[in-house]
Structure formats: structure tokens, C-alpha cells
Amino acid sequence: MAGHLEGKVAIVTGAARGLGREYAIRMAAEGASIIAGDVRGCEETISAVQGAGGTGIAVSLDVTDMASCDAAAKAAEDAFGRVDVLINNAALYGGLKGGRFDSLDPEEWNRCMSVNVTGMWHCCKAVVGAMRTAGGGSIVNISSLAAVYGLPFALHYAVSKAAVIGMTRSLARELGSDWIRVNAIAPSAVMTEGTEEFFGPKLDKAKDVIASGQTLQRNLETEDLAGTVVYLAGDASKFVTGQTIMVDGGSVFL
């Protein structure tokens, strides 16, 4: 039986670990060919993709560099002949230093915007030509509960993820005539390496607070988001665009 993404070619950014790796593995299991990109090496991700019965290649990808994004898109076309899906997942999160908004480091603020906002724009620009040639495609931008609920002491991160929702809505209207769908996913804190790094010694307390604020009271794991990514990437959602889907255990109802 064919998977939901059989024949599709998907670029996954930030694919070296955590959510990006999970997306790549799950999409490969559903039949997609994967281009796993990150500033870190993605060889382990591709090994896992192959272990799931899929096929893929690893590319070095710095989303802040337009030339690097163009090279990743070209690598996808060279290897598989097309680009159907972009999972815009790369982001600064775990390495950020929180604090009151008026004490945040301006350099860190700019780096956060460069990766989390400009980087997504770069990746969209890089793939849109190939998607038009293919007759359409699906872009899935990873936002965050922080953008909708509000995240104190991490204003740079929350603002960057709010911008992702604005980008998603605007691009959905702009690219509809090309049959390119653009949607966002806004998860709560997912139990990844990045979350552990972000909260540090406060992780256990943060996990309890986050889970207690949800209707479904447990912390999110990477596999909890993969089904939504597969849905938005595939033809099951072929008339869905401009939407932000909360995958947050019922923290916010839109």
C-alpha cells in the first residue's frame, strides 16, 4: 500500500536532530524522498530515513545564506527531479538566552530574526520556482505556541514565531494562483534537545507548568507533531492553505 507522500520530494530544514529529524523519518516512511538540511551534519538523519525504508540525501544548509538555500533546492532537483514540499523547521531556540525584554542582547535579537524569520523567507524563495514547475506544492512553516499564547522572558523568540504566522498567511494568498499551499504548525514546547537547552536546570518545573496548562496534560513528544506535518505535506490537505494548526495539547483554541 502506497504511503500518503508517495512520489513527493521534501526538503526538511533543521533536520539534524529533534523535530526536523522526526519529520524527515516520518515523511520518508510515507513515501517521500527527503533532502535533510542543517548547519549540523544530517548523516544520522539520512541513516534513519533509510532505516524507515526511505531514500534521501543530506545537504549543508545555512538558512541565513540565500546561496546556501538555493544550493539545497538545486540539490533536490538534481537528485530527484523536483521539489514538492518544504518543511521550514530550522530555528534558533535552544541556544537563546532568555531574560526581561529590556535586557535582551541586541545581537541575539538580530540572530533570532535572521534565522527564524529571514531564514524561512530565504527557503521559500529558493523552492518556489521548482514548485511552480511541478504545478504546485506545500510549504509548512513551524511556528510556536509562544506566538499565540505569549512567552514572557523570550520576546525575541515569540516575536520571530509570530512573524512566521504573518508570513504564512501572506504567502498563502500570494501563491494560491500557483497552487502552492502555505500553512503553519504551532506546537507547545516539545521534549527535544533544544527544549532541554532552553530551560536548562528549570526544565522539570517548566514541563510541569506547561502540561498543567493543557487540556491534554502531558508534554509533547516529537512524534506528536509528525502526523500533522504529513497531513499538511500531502494531498489529504490539498484545499487547506493559510492556516495555523495548534499542536499544543489544547493550550489555545483558535
Protein backbone atom coordinates (compact mmCIF):
# COMPACT_ATOMS: atom_id res chain seq x y z
CA MET A 1 0.00 0.00 0.00
CA ALA A 2 1.40 3.38 -1.03
CA GLY A 3 2.13 5.96 1.65
CA HIS A 4 0.44 9.34 1.87
CA LEU A 5 3.50 11.07 0.37
CA GLU A 6 4.44 8.56 -2.31
CA GLY A 7 6.38 10.22 -5.12
CA LYS A 8 6.83 13.55 -3.37
CA VAL A 9 10.18 15.25 -2.78
CA ALA A 10 10.52 17.10 0.52
CA ILE A 11 13.16 19.46 1.87
CA VAL A 12 13.35 19.50 5.67
CA THR A 13 15.39 22.27 7.28
CA GLY A 14 16.88 21.94 10.74
CA ALA A 15 16.87 18.19 10.13
CA ALA A 16 19.95 17.12 12.08
CA ARG A 17 18.09 16.41 15.31
CA GLY A 18 14.85 16.80 17.25
CA LEU A 19 11.70 17.70 15.36
CA GLY A 20 13.42 18.05 11.99
CA ARG A 21 14.77 14.52 12.19
CA GLU A 22 11.36 13.18 13.26
CA TYR A 23 9.65 14.93 10.34
CA ALA A 24 12.17 13.51 7.88
CA ILE A 25 11.80 9.95 9.18
CA ARG A 26 8.01 10.02 9.24
CA MET A 27 7.72 11.57 5.78
CA ALA A 28 10.16 9.02 4.38
CA ALA A 29 8.07 6.22 5.88
CA GLU A 30 5.11 7.69 3.99
CA GLY A 31 6.98 7.52 0.69
CA ALA A 32 8.65 10.92 0.32
CA SER A 33 12.22 11.39 -0.87
CA ILE A 34 14.00 13.56 1.70
CA ILE A 35 16.54 16.34 1.47
CA ALA A 36 17.73 16.84 5.04
CA GLY A 37 19.44 20.18 5.57
CA ASP A 38 21.11 21.76 8.58
CA VAL A 39 24.23 23.62 9.67
CA ARG A 40 24.93 20.43 11.61
CA GLY A 41 25.59 17.18 9.79
CA CYS A 42 22.48 15.24 8.75
CA GLU A 43 24.12 11.89 8.08
CA GLU A 44 22.43 10.25 11.08
CA THR A 45 19.07 11.57 9.93
CA ILE A 46 19.56 10.06 6.48
CA SER A 47 20.57 6.74 8.05
CA ALA A 48 17.30 6.82 10.00
CA VAL A 49 15.40 7.71 6.83
CA GLN A 50 16.91 4.69 5.10
CA GLY A 51 16.09 2.58 8.13
CA ALA A 52 12.46 3.62 7.70
CA GLY A 53 12.59 2.27 4.15
CA GLY A 54 13.01 5.68 2.55
CA THR A 55 15.53 7.48 0.42
CA GLY A 56 17.23 10.82 0.87
CA ILE A 57 20.32 12.97 0.83
CA ALA A 58 21.98 15.23 3.39
CA VAL A 59 22.95 18.78 2.49
CA SER A 60 24.76 21.50 4.37
CA LEU A 61 22.24 24.31 4.82
CA ASP A 62 22.58 27.70 6.46
CA VAL A 63 19.17 29.32 6.11
CA THR A 64 20.61 32.79 6.74
CA ASP A 65 22.57 32.45 3.48
CA MET A 66 20.43 32.73 0.33
CA ALA A 67 23.06 30.98 -1.77
CA SER A 68 23.02 28.02 0.62
CA CYS A 69 19.22 27.79 0.34
CA ASP A 70 19.38 27.93 -3.45
CA ALA A 71 22.02 25.17 -3.40
CA ALA A 72 19.78 22.93 -1.29
CA ALA A 73 16.88 23.39 -3.70
CA LYS A 74 19.16 22.63 -6.65
CA ALA A 75 20.45 19.51 -4.89
CA ALA A 76 16.86 18.32 -4.53
CA GLU A 77 16.14 18.86 -8.21
CA ASP A 78 19.42 17.26 -9.28
CA ALA A 79 18.80 14.19 -7.11
CA PHE A 80 15.05 13.72 -7.52
CA GLY A 81 13.92 15.98 -10.37
CA ARG A 82 11.50 18.20 -8.45
CA VAL A 83 10.51 19.83 -5.15
CA ASP A 84 7.00 19.28 -3.80
CA VAL A 85 7.30 20.05 -0.09
CA LEU A 86 9.27 22.40 2.13
CA ILE A 87 9.23 21.87 5.89
CA ASN A 88 10.56 25.19 7.19
CA ASN A 89 11.75 23.97 10.57
CA ALA A 90 15.21 25.48 11.18
CA ALA A 91 15.17 27.94 14.08
CA LEU A 92 17.18 29.40 16.93
CA TYR A 93 15.66 28.18 20.17
CA GLY A 94 17.81 26.03 22.43
CA GLY A 95 20.80 28.36 22.34
CA LEU A 96 18.84 31.52 23.15
CA LYS A 97 19.31 33.27 26.48
CA GLY A 98 16.04 34.45 27.96
CA GLY A 99 15.52 37.49 30.13
CA ARG A 100 13.37 40.55 30.57
CA PHE A 101 12.65 42.19 27.25
CA ASP A 102 14.67 45.30 28.02
CA SER A 103 17.74 43.28 28.94
CA LEU A 104 17.89 41.04 25.85
CA ASP A 105 21.13 41.18 23.89
CA PRO A 106 20.53 43.14 20.63
CA GLU A 107 22.94 40.87 18.77
CA GLU A 108 21.00 37.80 19.88
CA TRP A 109 17.72 39.51 18.89
CA ASN A 110 19.09 40.06 15.39
CA ARG A 111 20.38 36.49 15.10
CA CYS A 112 16.99 35.17 16.16
CA MET A 113 15.22 37.20 13.47
CA SER A 114 17.85 36.27 10.90
CA VAL A 115 17.33 32.53 11.37
CA ASN A 116 13.69 32.28 12.42
CA VAL A 117 12.20 34.84 10.03
CA THR A 118 14.62 35.76 7.25
CA GLY A 119 15.78 32.14 7.02
CA MET A 120 12.24 30.95 6.33
CA TRP A 121 11.80 33.64 3.69
CA HIS A 122 15.05 32.54 2.03
CA CYS A 123 13.90 28.91 1.90
CA CYS A 124 10.53 29.85 0.43
CA LYS A 125 12.28 31.91 -2.25
CA ALA A 126 14.61 29.01 -3.01
CA VAL A 127 11.87 26.42 -3.66
CA VAL A 128 9.09 28.42 -5.25
CA GLY A 129 10.46 28.14 -8.80
CA ALA A 130 10.67 24.35 -8.63
CA MET A 131 7.19 24.15 -7.10
CA ARG A 132 5.74 26.28 -9.88
CA THR A 133 7.38 23.97 -12.42
CA ALA A 134 5.86 20.98 -10.63
CA GLY A 135 2.41 22.55 -10.80
CA GLY A 136 2.13 23.27 -7.09
CA GLY A 137 3.45 22.28 -3.71
CA SER A 138 3.14 22.58 0.05
CA ILE A 139 5.14 24.79 2.39
CA VAL A 140 4.83 24.05 6.10
CA ASN A 141 6.27 26.71 8.39
CA ILE A 142 6.95 25.77 12.00
CA SER A 143 5.72 28.50 14.34
CA SER A 144 5.11 28.09 18.08
CA LEU A 145 2.53 28.39 20.83
CA ALA A 146 4.72 31.26 22.01
CA ALA A 147 3.42 33.38 19.12
CA VAL A 148 -0.24 32.97 20.10
CA TYR A 149 -0.20 32.49 23.86
CA GLY A 150 2.71 34.80 24.63
CA LEU A 151 6.03 33.77 26.12
CA PRO A 152 7.47 36.03 28.81
CA PHE A 153 11.24 36.43 29.09
CA ALA A 154 11.81 35.31 25.50
CA LEU A 155 10.38 38.18 23.50
CA HIS A 156 12.77 37.68 20.58
CA TYR A 157 11.65 34.08 20.11
CA ALA A 158 7.94 34.87 20.49
CA VAL A 159 8.13 37.79 18.05
CA SER A 160 10.00 35.71 15.49
CA LYS A 161 7.40 32.95 15.64
CA ALA A 162 4.55 35.46 15.36
CA ALA A 163 6.21 36.72 12.19
CA VAL A 164 6.10 33.16 10.85
CA ILE A 165 2.30 33.18 11.10
CA GLY A 166 2.11 36.52 9.28
CA MET A 167 4.44 35.21 6.58
CA THR A 168 2.34 32.07 6.23
CA ARG A 169 -0.92 33.97 5.73
CA SER A 170 0.55 36.46 3.27
CA LEU A 171 2.34 33.82 1.19
CA ALA A 172 -0.78 31.65 1.10
CA ARG A 173 -2.67 34.50 -0.58
CA GLU A 174 0.22 35.32 -2.90
CA LEU A 175 0.97 31.76 -4.02
CA GLY A 176 -2.55 30.37 -4.31
CA SER A 177 -2.65 31.05 -8.05
CA ASP A 178 0.41 28.79 -8.37
CA TRP A 179 -1.35 26.04 -6.36
CA ILE A 180 1.33 26.33 -3.71
CA ARG A 181 -0.23 25.91 -0.29
CA VAL A 182 1.35 27.54 2.76
CA ASN A 183 0.39 26.55 6.30
CA ALA A 184 1.90 26.77 9.77
CA ILE A 185 2.08 24.49 12.78
CA ALA A 186 2.28 25.99 16.27
CA PRO A 187 3.40 23.44 18.86
CA SER A 188 3.82 23.82 22.56
CA ALA A 189 7.25 23.03 24.00
CA VAL A 190 8.27 19.66 22.59
CA MET A 191 10.65 17.41 24.50
CA THR A 192 13.73 17.85 22.32
CA GLU A 193 17.36 18.72 22.86
CA GLY A 194 16.51 22.34 22.09
CA THR A 195 13.88 22.49 24.83
CA GLU A 196 16.31 20.97 27.32
CA GLU A 197 18.90 23.59 26.37
CA PHE A 198 16.42 26.47 26.53
CA PHE A 199 15.07 25.71 30.01
CA GLY A 200 18.29 24.24 31.44
CA PRO A 201 18.02 23.47 35.18
CA LYS A 202 14.42 24.78 35.17
CA LEU A 203 13.30 22.06 32.72
CA ASP A 204 11.40 19.85 35.17
CA LYS A 205 9.46 22.77 36.62
CA ALA A 206 8.74 24.11 33.12
CA LYS A 207 7.46 20.71 31.99
CA ASP A 208 5.02 20.57 34.89
CA VAL A 209 3.77 24.12 34.30
CA ILE A 210 3.33 23.57 30.56
CA ALA A 211 1.50 20.26 30.91
CA SER A 212 -0.81 21.58 33.63
CA GLY A 213 -1.97 24.37 31.31
CA GLN A 214 -3.07 21.94 28.62
CA THR A 215 -6.37 20.15 28.17
CA LEU A 216 -4.35 17.00 27.41
CA GLN A 217 -1.99 17.04 30.34
CA ARG A 218 1.28 15.56 29.21
CA ASN A 219 4.28 17.05 27.46
CA LEU A 220 4.54 16.86 23.71
CA GLU A 221 6.99 14.43 22.12
CA THR A 222 8.37 14.72 18.61
CA GLU A 223 6.06 12.03 17.23
CA ASP A 224 3.04 14.08 18.33
CA LEU A 225 3.70 16.58 15.52
CA ALA A 226 4.67 14.23 12.71
CA GLY A 227 1.11 13.32 11.73
CA THR A 228 0.16 16.96 11.24
CA VAL A 229 3.23 17.51 9.08
CA VAL A 230 2.36 14.51 6.91
CA TYR A 231 -1.23 15.76 6.58
CA LEU A 232 -0.19 19.27 5.50
CA ALA A 233 2.51 17.98 3.16
CA GLY A 234 0.22 15.57 1.34
CA ASP A 235 -2.85 15.62 -0.86
CA ALA A 236 -5.20 14.96 2.05
CA SER A 237 -4.94 18.71 2.76
CA LYS A 238 -4.96 19.85 -0.88
CA PHE A 239 -7.59 22.55 -0.18
CA VAL A 240 -6.07 23.79 3.08
CA THR A 241 -3.92 26.93 2.98
CA GLY A 242 -3.13 29.95 5.12
CA GLN A 243 -3.92 28.07 8.33
CA THR A 244 -2.09 27.79 11.63
CA ILE A 245 -2.72 24.46 13.30
CA MET A 246 -2.10 24.38 17.04
CA VAL A 247 -0.48 21.14 18.20
CA ASP A 248 -0.31 22.08 21.85
CA GLY A 249 -2.36 19.61 23.85
CA GLY A 250 -5.23 22.09 24.00
CA SER A 251 -3.49 25.19 25.37
CA VAL A 252 -5.07 27.66 22.94
CA PHE A 253 -8.25 27.32 20.88
CA LEU A 254 -8.31 29.39 17.68
